[in-house]
Each structure stands twice: as C-alpha cells, then as structure tokens.
C-alpha cells in the first residue's frame, strides 16, 4: 500500500450510489473531497440524507464505494475489508448498546478493546496490569466506574455505556475516531457530559476525530473545524476563529443559501 499523503485523512472524489439502476436509486455521496490534518476534530452537520453517516460508513468500510479514494495517515485503505480497517479506526455509534457487550463486565469489555487486532489464544483474560490501566482510564471519566469494574455493562445507563465505549475506542490510539451521532439517544444533560468526555479523550490522546451531529450548537461548540454537507457533497468548511464566532443563525442562513427552500423539515431538526 502506498504512503502518499501527509494528512491524517484524505477523501478523494468519493462516490456511493445505493440501489443503482432501480427506481429507488440514490446518489448518497456525490464526489466528496475532504482533508483532515493530524489532531483535527471536525464536526459534520447537514440535513437528512446529506451524506454525513454515509461518509463515516465509507471510511469504516461498511460497504464498497463506487468511486474515489480513502487514505488514512498516508495509507490507501480504499480496498481494505471492514475488519482490516480496525487498527486504523475507533468508532462510537448512536445506540449506546452497540459499542459494548452487555453480558460482560466493564473490565472484560475494556480488555477486548485493548487486545484488538492481537491473537487471543487460550490464556486470554484480564491481567493485574490491565486492571490497573483500566482503573486509571475509568477514573478520568469522573463517573465512579473505576469502583464498578466487575459490574455487567448491561446494568449501566446509556451515558455510562457511551463513556466506556469512548474510552474503549481510544485505548489503542486509533488514527481516526468516528463519532456517529453518539449523543443523539441521550437526554440533554447526559449528552452534554458525554460530549465533555469526548473532548477530553480526543484532547488527551491527541486524536483526529470526526463527529456527525444534528445539533448545530454542539457542532459549533465542539471541535476546531465544522463541515456542512448537502446532497452528498461538502458545501461549507470552516475552522479556527471563524468557527468559534459562528452562531446557529449563521449556519441556518448558509444552509438556506445553498439548498434553496427545500429544507423546511431539516431546518427544524437542525435548529
């Protein structure tokens, strides 16, 4: 595989068409181009069907793309199967049940994440040094979970599970962390806490991250860069001071400028 990019992530002219050749044909990604520098934390917004989650799924290799290239840390992963992309990626989904094994306890879940990509063999288990590491990591969450390491994950709240999933996703220092509306299923107070933990984990581990969200306030408040998508394309990309000074009304105005009057429902969602 060639090493041909200094970017943490480079997406080149990405296309994805669902139900090709049928009455339900849908161009989900229509020539997406995006470059992330190491340490970028990019929030991604857009209406329903804009291509936000489809972009994350394309990066993760959930299905083959129809055109383009995906390069992570200089390695072209376009042709890699989903499981072979695991060493490059950490991922947290919308459903708190998705990222953890409910019938296993906290330390067992963390051990699985810690040994990701390793041959497990018959002696697989949680060692004393593992336990000490996991306790220290859990302490940073401020949720008291370091004292509940043998609790079954299925007994935890959604917010606690998402916090653990975030820790697990970052344990092996992935090249790219993908957060796919990971607070959408949580109540506002819990969502705010999980976002705070997300910021902390990304910052402390110097991770490059992409976060899909429907919440414009969250998109403005978190990360150093904001990308807006519409009809399978990136239509707005803002960073630094310009991003910090944005307000929701600015984003709505930008949205309506590029989409005309067809975003009535999305406007409500995004507001």
C-alpha atoms as a PDB file:
ATOM      1  CA  UNK A   1       0.000   0.000   0.000  1.00  0.00           C
ATOM      2  CA  UNK A   2       1.362   3.382  -0.944  1.00  0.00           C
ATOM      3  CA  UNK A   3       2.194   6.120   1.529  1.00  0.00           C
ATOM      4  CA  UNK A   4       1.293   9.266  -0.347  1.00  0.00           C
ATOM      5  CA  UNK A   5      -0.303  11.822   1.956  1.00  0.00           C
ATOM      6  CA  UNK A   6       0.733  13.893   4.946  1.00  0.00           C
ATOM      7  CA  UNK A   7      -2.885  14.177   6.068  1.00  0.00           C
ATOM      8  CA  UNK A   8      -4.473  12.159   8.875  1.00  0.00           C
ATOM      9  CA  UNK A   9      -7.360  11.530   6.487  1.00  0.00           C
ATOM     10  CA  UNK A  10      -7.770  12.305   2.805  1.00  0.00           C
ATOM     11  CA  UNK A  11     -11.001  11.558   0.975  1.00  0.00           C
ATOM     12  CA  UNK A  12     -10.713  11.991  -2.767  1.00  0.00           C
ATOM     13  CA  UNK A  13     -13.739  12.283  -5.042  1.00  0.00           C
ATOM     14  CA  UNK A  14     -15.844   9.768  -3.107  1.00  0.00           C
ATOM     15  CA  UNK A  15     -18.999   8.323  -4.691  1.00  0.00           C
ATOM     16  CA  UNK A  16     -21.612   5.959  -3.293  1.00  0.00           C
ATOM     17  CA  UNK A  17     -24.832   5.039  -5.108  1.00  0.00           C
ATOM     18  CA  UNK A  18     -27.472   2.882  -3.445  1.00  0.00           C
ATOM     19  CA  UNK A  19     -29.985   0.766  -5.429  1.00  0.00           C
ATOM     20  CA  UNK A  20     -28.213   1.573  -8.674  1.00  0.00           C
ATOM     21  CA  UNK A  21     -30.370   1.125 -11.775  1.00  0.00           C
ATOM     22  CA  UNK A  22     -33.641   0.906  -9.853  1.00  0.00           C
ATOM     23  CA  UNK A  23     -36.473   3.346  -9.252  1.00  0.00           C
ATOM     24  CA  UNK A  24     -35.009   3.845  -5.753  1.00  0.00           C
ATOM     25  CA  UNK A  25     -31.524   4.821  -6.969  1.00  0.00           C
ATOM     26  CA  UNK A  26     -29.942   7.301  -4.579  1.00  0.00           C
ATOM     27  CA  UNK A  27     -26.626   9.105  -5.000  1.00  0.00           C
ATOM     28  CA  UNK A  28     -25.567   9.217  -1.349  1.00  0.00           C
ATOM     29  CA  UNK A  29     -22.025  10.559  -1.899  1.00  0.00           C
ATOM     30  CA  UNK A  30     -21.504  12.753  -4.928  1.00  0.00           C
ATOM     31  CA  UNK A  31     -17.779  13.457  -5.217  1.00  0.00           C
ATOM     32  CA  UNK A  32     -16.850  14.136  -1.568  1.00  0.00           C
ATOM     33  CA  UNK A  33     -13.425  15.680  -1.047  1.00  0.00           C
ATOM     34  CA  UNK A  34     -12.067  16.244   2.451  1.00  0.00           C
ATOM     35  CA  UNK A  35      -8.642  16.526   4.073  1.00  0.00           C
ATOM     36  CA  UNK A  36      -8.044  16.323   7.826  1.00  0.00           C
ATOM     37  CA  UNK A  37      -4.789  17.390   9.421  1.00  0.00           C
ATOM     38  CA  UNK A  38      -3.464  15.378  12.384  1.00  0.00           C
ATOM     39  CA  UNK A  39      -5.338  16.484  15.515  1.00  0.00           C
ATOM     40  CA  UNK A  40      -8.326  17.944  13.642  1.00  0.00           C
ATOM     41  CA  UNK A  41     -11.649  17.459  15.438  1.00  0.00           C
ATOM     42  CA  UNK A  42     -14.262  18.003  12.731  1.00  0.00           C
ATOM     43  CA  UNK A  43     -17.987  18.267  13.420  1.00  0.00           C
ATOM     44  CA  UNK A  44     -20.232  17.358  10.472  1.00  0.00           C
ATOM     45  CA  UNK A  45     -23.755  18.705  10.026  1.00  0.00           C
ATOM     46  CA  UNK A  46     -26.384  18.557   7.306  1.00  0.00           C
ATOM     47  CA  UNK A  47     -29.989  17.578   6.718  1.00  0.00           C
ATOM     48  CA  UNK A  48     -31.379  14.053   6.455  1.00  0.00           C
ATOM     49  CA  UNK A  49     -29.765  12.266   3.520  1.00  0.00           C
ATOM     50  CA  UNK A  50     -26.947  14.809   3.230  1.00  0.00           C
ATOM     51  CA  UNK A  51     -24.293  12.067   3.355  1.00  0.00           C
ATOM     52  CA  UNK A  52     -22.972  12.530   6.905  1.00  0.00           C
ATOM     53  CA  UNK A  53     -23.238   8.975   8.237  1.00  0.00           C
ATOM     54  CA  UNK A  54     -22.667   7.558   4.744  1.00  0.00           C
ATOM     55  CA  UNK A  55     -19.251   9.256   4.756  1.00  0.00           C
ATOM     56  CA  UNK A  56     -18.364   7.650   8.100  1.00  0.00           C
ATOM     57  CA  UNK A  57     -19.589   4.252   6.872  1.00  0.00           C
ATOM     58  CA  UNK A  58     -17.475   4.629   3.726  1.00  0.00           C
ATOM     59  CA  UNK A  59     -14.379   5.354   5.833  1.00  0.00           C
ATOM     60  CA  UNK A  60     -15.145   2.369   8.073  1.00  0.00           C
ATOM     61  CA  UNK A  61     -15.600   0.074   5.062  1.00  0.00           C
ATOM     62  CA  UNK A  62     -19.177  -0.960   5.868  1.00  0.00           C
ATOM     63  CA  UNK A  63     -19.697  -1.479   2.117  1.00  0.00           C
ATOM     64  CA  UNK A  64     -17.588  -0.856  -1.018  1.00  0.00           C
ATOM     65  CA  UNK A  65     -17.610   2.621  -2.522  1.00  0.00           C
ATOM     66  CA  UNK A  66     -18.428   3.287  -6.190  1.00  0.00           C
ATOM     67  CA  UNK A  67     -15.544   5.658  -6.835  1.00  0.00           C
ATOM     68  CA  UNK A  68     -12.795   7.614  -5.165  1.00  0.00           C
ATOM     69  CA  UNK A  69     -10.058   7.003  -2.602  1.00  0.00           C
ATOM     70  CA  UNK A  70      -9.798   6.909   1.198  1.00  0.00           C
ATOM     71  CA  UNK A  71      -6.311   7.481   2.624  1.00  0.00           C
ATOM     72  CA  UNK A  72      -5.595   7.326   6.373  1.00  0.00           C
ATOM     73  CA  UNK A  73      -2.226   8.551   7.629  1.00  0.00           C
ATOM     74  CA  UNK A  74      -0.729   8.086   4.160  1.00  0.00           C
ATOM     75  CA  UNK A  75      -2.069   4.551   3.640  1.00  0.00           C
ATOM     76  CA  UNK A  76      -4.660   3.940   0.934  1.00  0.00           C
ATOM     77  CA  UNK A  77      -7.334   1.795   2.655  1.00  0.00           C
ATOM     78  CA  UNK A  78      -9.907   2.048  -0.162  1.00  0.00           C
ATOM     79  CA  UNK A  79      -9.748  -1.662  -0.996  1.00  0.00           C
ATOM     80  CA  UNK A  80      -9.463  -2.975   2.580  1.00  0.00           C
ATOM     81  CA  UNK A  81     -12.243  -5.059   4.108  1.00  0.00           C
ATOM     82  CA  UNK A  82     -14.010  -3.574   7.141  1.00  0.00           C
ATOM     83  CA  UNK A  83     -12.234  -5.803   9.699  1.00  0.00           C
ATOM     84  CA  UNK A  84      -8.828  -4.928   8.224  1.00  0.00           C
ATOM     85  CA  UNK A  85      -9.506  -1.222   8.846  1.00  0.00           C
ATOM     86  CA  UNK A  86      -9.968  -1.847  12.588  1.00  0.00           C
ATOM     87  CA  UNK A  87      -6.329  -0.985  13.502  1.00  0.00           C
ATOM     88  CA  UNK A  88      -6.800   2.488  11.974  1.00  0.00           C
ATOM     89  CA  UNK A  89     -10.188   3.370  13.434  1.00  0.00           C
ATOM     90  CA  UNK A  90     -12.136   3.837  16.647  1.00  0.00           C
ATOM     91  CA  UNK A  91     -15.900   4.207  16.361  1.00  0.00           C
ATOM     92  CA  UNK A  92     -18.811   5.169  18.610  1.00  0.00           C
ATOM     93  CA  UNK A  93     -22.368   4.729  17.360  1.00  0.00           C
ATOM     94  CA  UNK A  94     -25.682   6.420  18.138  1.00  0.00           C
ATOM     95  CA  UNK A  95     -27.037   3.440  20.072  1.00  0.00           C
ATOM     96  CA  UNK A  96     -25.270   3.034  23.451  1.00  0.00           C
ATOM     97  CA  UNK A  97     -25.937  -0.733  23.192  1.00  0.00           C
ATOM     98  CA  UNK A  98     -23.819  -1.098  20.032  1.00  0.00           C
ATOM     99  CA  UNK A  99     -20.288  -0.492  21.282  1.00  0.00           C
ATOM    100  CA  UNK A 100     -20.191  -2.847  24.263  1.00  0.00           C
ATOM    101  CA  UNK A 101     -21.087  -6.450  25.209  1.00  0.00           C
ATOM    102  CA  UNK A 102     -23.946  -6.171  27.721  1.00  0.00           C
ATOM    103  CA  UNK A 103     -23.421  -9.573  29.370  1.00  0.00           C
ATOM    104  CA  UNK A 104     -19.729  -8.946  30.063  1.00  0.00           C
ATOM    105  CA  UNK A 105     -18.401  -6.726  32.812  1.00  0.00           C
ATOM    106  CA  UNK A 106     -16.630  -3.390  32.368  1.00  0.00           C
ATOM    107  CA  UNK A 107     -13.081  -4.711  32.642  1.00  0.00           C
ATOM    108  CA  UNK A 108     -13.790  -7.571  30.207  1.00  0.00           C
ATOM    109  CA  UNK A 109     -15.167  -5.125  27.641  1.00  0.00           C
ATOM    110  CA  UNK A 110     -12.095  -2.932  28.033  1.00  0.00           C
ATOM    111  CA  UNK A 111      -9.786  -5.958  27.733  1.00  0.00           C
ATOM    112  CA  UNK A 112     -11.389  -6.897  24.406  1.00  0.00           C
ATOM    113  CA  UNK A 113     -10.791  -3.363  23.107  1.00  0.00           C
ATOM    114  CA  UNK A 114      -7.225  -3.358  24.475  1.00  0.00           C
ATOM    115  CA  UNK A 115      -6.375  -6.604  22.673  1.00  0.00           C
ATOM    116  CA  UNK A 116      -7.950  -5.552  19.402  1.00  0.00           C
ATOM    117  CA  UNK A 117      -6.000  -6.990  16.488  1.00  0.00           C
ATOM    118  CA  UNK A 118      -3.979  -9.366  18.692  1.00  0.00           C
ATOM    119  CA  UNK A 119      -4.101 -13.152  18.671  1.00  0.00           C
ATOM    120  CA  UNK A 120      -6.038 -14.069  21.801  1.00  0.00           C
ATOM    121  CA  UNK A 121      -5.238 -17.754  22.345  1.00  0.00           C
ATOM    122  CA  UNK A 122      -6.422 -19.848  25.290  1.00  0.00           C
ATOM    123  CA  UNK A 123      -4.850 -17.737  28.039  1.00  0.00           C
ATOM    124  CA  UNK A 124      -6.824 -14.626  27.234  1.00  0.00           C
ATOM    125  CA  UNK A 125      -8.032 -12.783  30.315  1.00  0.00           C
ATOM    126  CA  UNK A 126      -7.688  -9.622  32.379  1.00  0.00           C
ATOM    127  CA  UNK A 127      -4.231  -9.288  33.962  1.00  0.00           C
ATOM    128  CA  UNK A 128      -3.352  -7.253  37.019  1.00  0.00           C
ATOM    129  CA  UNK A 129      -1.527  -4.650  34.923  1.00  0.00           C
ATOM    130  CA  UNK A 130      -4.551  -4.449  32.597  1.00  0.00           C
ATOM    131  CA  UNK A 131      -6.790  -3.859  35.582  1.00  0.00           C
ATOM    132  CA  UNK A 132      -4.589  -1.032  36.881  1.00  0.00           C
ATOM    133  CA  UNK A 133      -4.570   0.624  33.448  1.00  0.00           C
ATOM    134  CA  UNK A 134      -8.342   0.321  33.067  1.00  0.00           C
ATOM    135  CA  UNK A 135      -8.922   1.718  36.564  1.00  0.00           C
ATOM    136  CA  UNK A 136      -6.786   4.766  35.777  1.00  0.00           C
ATOM    137  CA  UNK A 137      -8.593   5.328  32.472  1.00  0.00           C
ATOM    138  CA  UNK A 138     -12.029   4.960  34.090  1.00  0.00           C
ATOM    139  CA  UNK A 139     -11.060   7.419  36.848  1.00  0.00           C
ATOM    140  CA  UNK A 140     -10.611  10.162  34.253  1.00  0.00           C
ATOM    141  CA  UNK A 141     -14.324   9.938  33.383  1.00  0.00           C
ATOM    142  CA  UNK A 142     -15.365  11.153  36.842  1.00  0.00           C
ATOM    143  CA  UNK A 143     -18.298   8.723  36.927  1.00  0.00           C
ATOM    144  CA  UNK A 144     -17.088   6.386  39.693  1.00  0.00           C
ATOM    145  CA  UNK A 145     -16.893   3.467  37.256  1.00  0.00           C
ATOM    146  CA  UNK A 146     -13.371   2.593  38.409  1.00  0.00           C
ATOM    147  CA  UNK A 147     -15.038   1.127  41.530  1.00  0.00           C
ATOM    148  CA  UNK A 148     -17.510  -0.921  39.446  1.00  0.00           C
ATOM    149  CA  UNK A 149     -15.168  -2.738  37.072  1.00  0.00           C
ATOM    150  CA  UNK A 150     -16.842  -6.112  37.649  1.00  0.00           C
ATOM    151  CA  UNK A 151     -20.341  -4.724  37.023  1.00  0.00           C
ATOM    152  CA  UNK A 152     -22.120  -6.030  33.925  1.00  0.00           C
ATOM    153  CA  UNK A 153     -22.173  -3.313  31.267  1.00  0.00           C
ATOM    154  CA  UNK A 154     -25.843  -4.061  30.564  1.00  0.00           C
ATOM    155  CA  UNK A 155     -26.716  -2.678  34.017  1.00  0.00           C
ATOM    156  CA  UNK A 156     -25.217   0.748  33.258  1.00  0.00           C
ATOM    157  CA  UNK A 157     -27.055   3.812  31.976  1.00  0.00           C
ATOM    158  CA  UNK A 158     -26.810   4.856  28.322  1.00  0.00           C
ATOM    159  CA  UNK A 159     -24.476   7.714  29.192  1.00  0.00           C
ATOM    160  CA  UNK A 160     -22.176   5.453  31.205  1.00  0.00           C
ATOM    161  CA  UNK A 161     -22.063   2.967  28.344  1.00  0.00           C
ATOM    162  CA  UNK A 162     -21.206   5.663  25.814  1.00  0.00           C
ATOM    163  CA  UNK A 163     -18.448   6.963  28.105  1.00  0.00           C
ATOM    164  CA  UNK A 164     -16.959   3.455  28.329  1.00  0.00           C
ATOM    165  CA  UNK A 165     -17.316   2.980  24.554  1.00  0.00           C
ATOM    166  CA  UNK A 166     -15.381   6.227  24.034  1.00  0.00           C
ATOM    167  CA  UNK A 167     -12.608   5.011  26.333  1.00  0.00           C
ATOM    168  CA  UNK A 168     -12.521   1.668  24.526  1.00  0.00           C
ATOM    169  CA  UNK A 169     -12.407   3.346  21.112  1.00  0.00           C
ATOM    170  CA  UNK A 170      -9.379   5.418  22.197  1.00  0.00           C
ATOM    171  CA  UNK A 171      -7.448   2.694  24.062  1.00  0.00           C
ATOM    172  CA  UNK A 172      -5.365   1.670  21.042  1.00  0.00           C
ATOM    173  CA  UNK A 173      -4.739   5.247  19.858  1.00  0.00           C
ATOM    174  CA  UNK A 174      -6.574   4.955  16.517  1.00  0.00           C
ATOM    175  CA  UNK A 175      -5.500   7.094  13.576  1.00  0.00           C
ATOM    176  CA  UNK A 176      -9.088   8.331  13.338  1.00  0.00           C
ATOM    177  CA  UNK A 177     -12.015   8.383  15.783  1.00  0.00           C
ATOM    178  CA  UNK A 178     -15.502   8.322  14.229  1.00  0.00           C
ATOM    179  CA  UNK A 179     -18.418   9.577  16.351  1.00  0.00           C
ATOM    180  CA  UNK A 180     -21.726   8.951  14.585  1.00  0.00           C
ATOM    181  CA  UNK A 181     -24.417  10.985  16.395  1.00  0.00           C
ATOM    182  CA  UNK A 182     -23.135   9.332  19.571  1.00  0.00           C
ATOM    183  CA  UNK A 183     -25.210  11.555  21.899  1.00  0.00           C
ATOM    184  CA  UNK A 184     -28.483  11.523  19.911  1.00  0.00           C
ATOM    185  CA  UNK A 185     -30.087   8.808  22.070  1.00  0.00           C
ATOM    186  CA  UNK A 186     -29.220  10.524  25.366  1.00  0.00           C
ATOM    187  CA  UNK A 187     -31.096  13.124  27.400  1.00  0.00           C
ATOM    188  CA  UNK A 188     -29.625  16.667  27.148  1.00  0.00           C
ATOM    189  CA  UNK A 189     -27.768  16.586  30.488  1.00  0.00           C
ATOM    190  CA  UNK A 190     -26.215  13.180  29.788  1.00  0.00           C
ATOM    191  CA  UNK A 191     -25.410  14.190  26.205  1.00  0.00           C
ATOM    192  CA  UNK A 192     -23.544  17.256  27.481  1.00  0.00           C
ATOM    193  CA  UNK A 193     -21.483  15.072  29.856  1.00  0.00           C
ATOM    194  CA  UNK A 194     -20.638  12.574  27.103  1.00  0.00           C
ATOM    195  CA  UNK A 195     -19.580  15.441  24.810  1.00  0.00           C
ATOM    196  CA  UNK A 196     -17.373  16.819  27.593  1.00  0.00           C
ATOM    197  CA  UNK A 197     -15.784  13.360  27.949  1.00  0.00           C
ATOM    198  CA  UNK A 198     -15.379  13.177  24.150  1.00  0.00           C
ATOM    199  CA  UNK A 199     -13.498  16.498  24.131  1.00  0.00           C
ATOM    200  CA  UNK A 200     -11.302  15.294  26.981  1.00  0.00           C
ATOM    201  CA  UNK A 201     -10.430  11.929  25.393  1.00  0.00           C
ATOM    202  CA  UNK A 202      -9.710  13.470  21.980  1.00  0.00           C
ATOM    203  CA  UNK A 203      -7.522  16.171  23.525  1.00  0.00           C
ATOM    204  CA  UNK A 204      -5.605  13.951  25.954  1.00  0.00           C
ATOM    205  CA  UNK A 205      -4.888  11.304  23.328  1.00  0.00           C
ATOM    206  CA  UNK A 206      -4.149  13.823  20.544  1.00  0.00           C
ATOM    207  CA  UNK A 207      -6.669  12.058  18.310  1.00  0.00           C
ATOM    208  CA  UNK A 208      -8.005  13.089  14.930  1.00  0.00           C
ATOM    209  CA  UNK A 209     -11.789  12.848  15.064  1.00  0.00           C
ATOM    210  CA  UNK A 210     -14.985  13.280  13.035  1.00  0.00           C
ATOM    211  CA  UNK A 211     -18.312  13.824  14.798  1.00  0.00           C
ATOM    212  CA  UNK A 212     -21.642  13.693  12.970  1.00  0.00           C
ATOM    213  CA  UNK A 213     -24.359  15.648  14.761  1.00  0.00           C
ATOM    214  CA  UNK A 214     -27.808  17.116  14.077  1.00  0.00           C
ATOM    215  CA  UNK A 215     -27.276  19.686  16.811  1.00  0.00           C
ATOM    216  CA  UNK A 216     -25.907  22.951  15.420  1.00  0.00           C
ATOM    217  CA  UNK A 217     -24.997  24.310  18.857  1.00  0.00           C
ATOM    218  CA  UNK A 218     -22.916  21.204  19.570  1.00  0.00           C
ATOM    219  CA  UNK A 219     -21.316  21.417  16.121  1.00  0.00           C
ATOM    220  CA  UNK A 220     -20.224  24.991  16.865  1.00  0.00           C
ATOM    221  CA  UNK A 221     -19.170  24.375  20.481  1.00  0.00           C
ATOM    222  CA  UNK A 222     -17.011  21.296  19.872  1.00  0.00           C
ATOM    223  CA  UNK A 223     -14.014  20.670  17.664  1.00  0.00           C
ATOM    224  CA  UNK A 224     -11.746  23.058  15.751  1.00  0.00           C
ATOM    225  CA  UNK A 225     -13.498  22.663  12.406  1.00  0.00           C
ATOM    226  CA  UNK A 226     -17.057  22.400  11.073  1.00  0.00           C
ATOM    227  CA  UNK A 227     -18.151  20.823   7.790  1.00  0.00           C
ATOM    228  CA  UNK A 228     -21.638  21.108   6.304  1.00  0.00           C
ATOM    229  CA  UNK A 229     -22.896  18.524   3.815  1.00  0.00           C
ATOM    230  CA  UNK A 230     -25.796  18.668   1.369  1.00  0.00           C
ATOM    231  CA  UNK A 231     -26.850  16.149  -1.281  1.00  0.00           C
ATOM    232  CA  UNK A 232     -23.692  14.073  -0.879  1.00  0.00           C
ATOM    233  CA  UNK A 233     -21.219  16.938  -1.082  1.00  0.00           C
ATOM    234  CA  UNK A 234     -19.235  19.149   1.289  1.00  0.00           C
ATOM    235  CA  UNK A 235     -20.691  22.631   0.800  1.00  0.00           C
ATOM    236  CA  UNK A 236     -19.098  24.546   3.699  1.00  0.00           C
ATOM    237  CA  UNK A 237     -15.868  24.045   5.644  1.00  0.00           C
ATOM    238  CA  UNK A 238     -14.929  26.462   8.403  1.00  0.00           C
ATOM    239  CA  UNK A 239     -12.276  26.364  11.130  1.00  0.00           C
ATOM    240  CA  UNK A 240     -10.337  28.319  13.746  1.00  0.00           C
ATOM    241  CA  UNK A 241     -11.555  31.729  14.878  1.00  0.00           C
ATOM    242  CA  UNK A 242     -14.182  31.897  12.148  1.00  0.00           C
ATOM    243  CA  UNK A 243     -15.782  28.723  13.512  1.00  0.00           C
ATOM    244  CA  UNK A 244     -15.601  29.953  17.120  1.00  0.00           C
ATOM    245  CA  UNK A 245     -17.508  33.096  16.177  1.00  0.00           C
ATOM    246  CA  UNK A 246     -20.336  31.255  14.410  1.00  0.00           C
ATOM    247  CA  UNK A 247     -23.931  31.316  15.645  1.00  0.00           C
ATOM    248  CA  UNK A 248     -26.755  28.934  14.779  1.00  0.00           C
ATOM    249  CA  UNK A 249     -28.414  31.651  12.687  1.00  0.00           C
ATOM    250  CA  UNK A 250     -25.244  31.885  10.568  1.00  0.00           C
ATOM    251  CA  UNK A 251     -25.365  28.171   9.824  1.00  0.00           C
ATOM    252  CA  UNK A 252     -29.081  28.256   9.041  1.00  0.00           C
ATOM    253  CA  UNK A 253     -28.502  31.160   6.655  1.00  0.00           C
ATOM    254  CA  UNK A 254     -25.683  29.241   4.963  1.00  0.00           C
ATOM    255  CA  UNK A 255     -27.899  26.158   4.777  1.00  0.00           C
ATOM    256  CA  UNK A 256     -30.717  28.031   3.092  1.00  0.00           C
ATOM    257  CA  UNK A 257     -28.325  29.826   0.753  1.00  0.00           C
ATOM    258  CA  UNK A 258     -27.069  26.540  -0.740  1.00  0.00           C
ATOM    259  CA  UNK A 259     -30.255  24.468  -0.557  1.00  0.00           C
ATOM    260  CA  UNK A 260     -32.997  26.888  -1.586  1.00  0.00           C
ATOM    261  CA  UNK A 261     -36.372  26.419   0.068  1.00  0.00           C
ATOM    262  CA  UNK A 262     -36.352  22.624   0.260  1.00  0.00           C
ATOM    263  CA  UNK A 263     -35.029  22.303   3.796  1.00  0.00           C
ATOM    264  CA  UNK A 264     -38.128  23.121   5.822  1.00  0.00           C
ATOM    265  CA  UNK A 265     -38.054  19.867   7.835  1.00  0.00           C
ATOM    266  CA  UNK A 266     -34.303  19.805   8.177  1.00  0.00           C
ATOM    267  CA  UNK A 267     -34.305  23.403   9.362  1.00  0.00           C
ATOM    268  CA  UNK A 268     -36.422  22.351  12.327  1.00  0.00           C
ATOM    269  CA  UNK A 269     -34.184  19.389  13.081  1.00  0.00           C
ATOM    270  CA  UNK A 270     -31.005  21.393  12.810  1.00  0.00           C
ATOM    271  CA  UNK A 271     -32.318  24.282  14.885  1.00  0.00           C
END
